[in-house]
Amino acid sequence: MGLPGHRRTSSHKRRRASHFALSPAAFTACPSCKTPIRPHHACTSCGRYDGKMILSMDRKNRRAAKAAEIKGKPVAADAHAGHDHSDGHTHEEEALAEKPKKAAKNAAAKKATKTKE
């Protein structure tokens, strides 16, 4: 069984680890909608890649609406085209109304975990 022949000094460790650094993620602007996207990836907001429509946005909107429905969150305005706001409600008001409920729920959960310890 092999054993280390010599102690690895701290400078040697640092020199060896100098190549482990992560580079920041590169982003470019989508040519059609100017949304930041990763290079060589389809745009998630308009569904285009290299000037061609690749992703069906109808499917994306249906999936977003279904996920929001499961989570109980309001759906974004573009995901439910034709939604009627004639009764005067806005989704921002609903989101703000949920924040105090979530804060109280989180505080209760923290308190419960502290009592268990």
Protein backbone atom coordinates (compact mmCIF):
# COMPACT_ATOMS: atom_id res chain seq x y z
CA MET A 1 0.00 0.00 0.00
CA GLY A 2 1.40 3.36 -1.02
CA LEU A 3 2.33 6.01 1.51
CA PRO A 4 3.07 9.68 0.91
CA GLY A 5 6.81 10.12 0.46
CA HIS A 6 6.97 13.75 1.52
CA ARG A 7 4.82 16.24 3.28
CA ARG A 8 2.80 18.43 0.89
CA THR A 9 3.52 22.01 1.91
CA SER A 10 0.83 24.66 2.07
CA SER A 11 2.34 26.54 -0.88
CA HIS A 12 2.26 23.36 -2.96
CA LYS A 13 -1.41 22.86 -2.02
CA ARG A 14 -2.25 26.40 -3.03
CA ARG A 15 -0.39 26.11 -6.31
CA ARG A 16 -2.22 22.87 -7.09
CA ALA A 17 -5.59 24.41 -6.17
CA SER A 18 -5.04 27.57 -8.24
CA HIS A 19 -6.94 26.00 -11.16
CA PHE A 20 -10.06 25.16 -9.11
CA ALA A 21 -11.52 28.68 -9.26
CA LEU A 22 -14.96 29.08 -10.84
CA SER A 23 -15.44 31.54 -13.66
CA PRO A 24 -18.52 33.80 -13.64
CA ALA A 25 -21.45 32.74 -15.82
CA ALA A 26 -21.47 34.35 -19.25
CA PHE A 27 -24.65 36.00 -20.51
CA THR A 28 -25.61 37.57 -23.82
CA ALA A 29 -28.72 39.47 -24.87
CA CYS A 30 -31.41 37.67 -26.83
CA PRO A 31 -31.51 39.27 -30.32
CA SER A 32 -35.32 39.34 -30.44
CA CYS A 33 -36.40 40.27 -26.90
CA LYS A 34 -33.10 41.51 -25.32
CA THR A 35 -33.49 39.22 -22.28
CA PRO A 36 -30.17 37.95 -20.82
CA ILE A 37 -29.55 34.35 -21.88
CA ARG A 38 -26.69 31.86 -21.63
CA PRO A 39 -24.70 31.40 -24.85
CA HIS A 40 -25.89 28.48 -27.02
CA HIS A 41 -29.18 28.18 -25.08
CA ALA A 42 -32.73 28.94 -26.21
CA CYS A 43 -34.30 32.09 -24.76
CA THR A 44 -36.70 31.19 -21.96
CA SER A 45 -38.87 34.28 -22.42
CA CYS A 46 -39.49 34.20 -26.19
CA GLY A 47 -38.43 30.62 -27.06
CA ARG A 48 -36.07 31.53 -29.91
CA TYR A 49 -32.63 30.16 -30.74
CA ASP A 50 -30.55 31.38 -33.68
CA GLY A 51 -33.53 33.37 -34.98
CA LYS A 52 -35.84 30.35 -35.07
CA MET A 53 -38.77 29.54 -32.78
CA ILE A 54 -37.64 26.46 -30.83
CA LEU A 55 -39.77 26.39 -27.67
CA SER A 56 -43.55 26.55 -27.73
CA MET A 57 -44.50 29.40 -25.44
CA ASP A 58 -48.07 28.13 -25.13
CA ARG A 59 -46.73 25.00 -23.47
CA LYS A 60 -44.48 27.07 -21.22
CA ASN A 61 -47.39 29.25 -20.11
CA ARG A 62 -49.57 26.22 -19.44
CA ARG A 63 -46.83 24.66 -17.33
CA ALA A 64 -46.26 27.91 -15.42
CA ALA A 65 -49.98 28.26 -14.74
CA LYS A 66 -50.21 24.65 -13.55
CA ALA A 67 -47.18 25.03 -11.26
CA ALA A 68 -48.60 28.24 -9.81
CA GLU A 69 -51.95 26.56 -9.27
CA ILE A 70 -50.30 23.69 -7.41
CA LYS A 71 -48.31 26.10 -5.22
CA GLY A 72 -51.34 28.32 -4.68
CA LYS A 73 -49.64 31.42 -6.05
CA PRO A 74 -51.21 33.90 -8.45
CA VAL A 75 -50.32 33.40 -12.09
CA ALA A 76 -48.30 36.02 -14.00
CA ALA A 77 -50.27 38.32 -16.30
CA ASP A 78 -48.80 36.97 -19.53
CA ALA A 79 -49.47 33.37 -18.51
CA HIS A 80 -53.23 33.87 -18.38
CA ALA A 81 -54.09 36.05 -21.33
CA GLY A 82 -57.72 37.11 -21.37
CA HIS A 83 -57.96 37.15 -17.57
CA ASP A 84 -60.58 39.69 -16.48
CA HIS A 85 -59.53 42.38 -14.00
CA SER A 86 -62.87 44.19 -14.17
CA ASP A 87 -63.61 43.36 -10.52
CA GLY A 88 -60.68 45.61 -9.52
CA HIS A 89 -58.32 42.99 -8.11
CA THR A 90 -54.60 42.92 -8.80
CA HIS A 91 -52.20 40.08 -8.25
CA GLU A 92 -49.75 42.36 -6.43
CA GLU A 93 -52.34 42.99 -3.70
CA GLU A 94 -52.85 39.25 -3.29
CA ALA A 95 -49.11 38.66 -3.03
CA LEU A 96 -48.72 41.40 -0.41
CA ALA A 97 -51.60 39.94 1.59
CA GLU A 98 -49.86 36.55 1.67
CA LYS A 99 -46.53 37.88 3.02
CA PRO A 100 -47.68 38.43 6.65
CA LYS A 101 -49.24 34.96 6.68
CA LYS A 102 -46.00 33.41 5.49
CA ALA A 103 -43.95 35.38 8.04
CA ALA A 104 -46.19 34.21 10.88
CA LYS A 105 -46.03 30.63 9.64
CA ASN A 106 -42.21 30.75 9.44
CA ALA A 107 -41.96 32.23 12.93
CA ALA A 108 -44.20 29.48 14.31
CA ALA A 109 -42.07 26.82 12.58
CA LYS A 110 -38.86 28.28 14.04
CA LYS A 111 -40.39 28.40 17.50
CA ALA A 112 -41.51 24.77 17.19
CA THR A 113 -38.01 23.62 16.20
CA LYS A 114 -36.45 25.52 19.12
CA THR A 115 -38.76 23.84 21.61
CA LYS A 116 -37.85 20.41 20.22
CA GLU A 117 -34.15 21.04 20.83
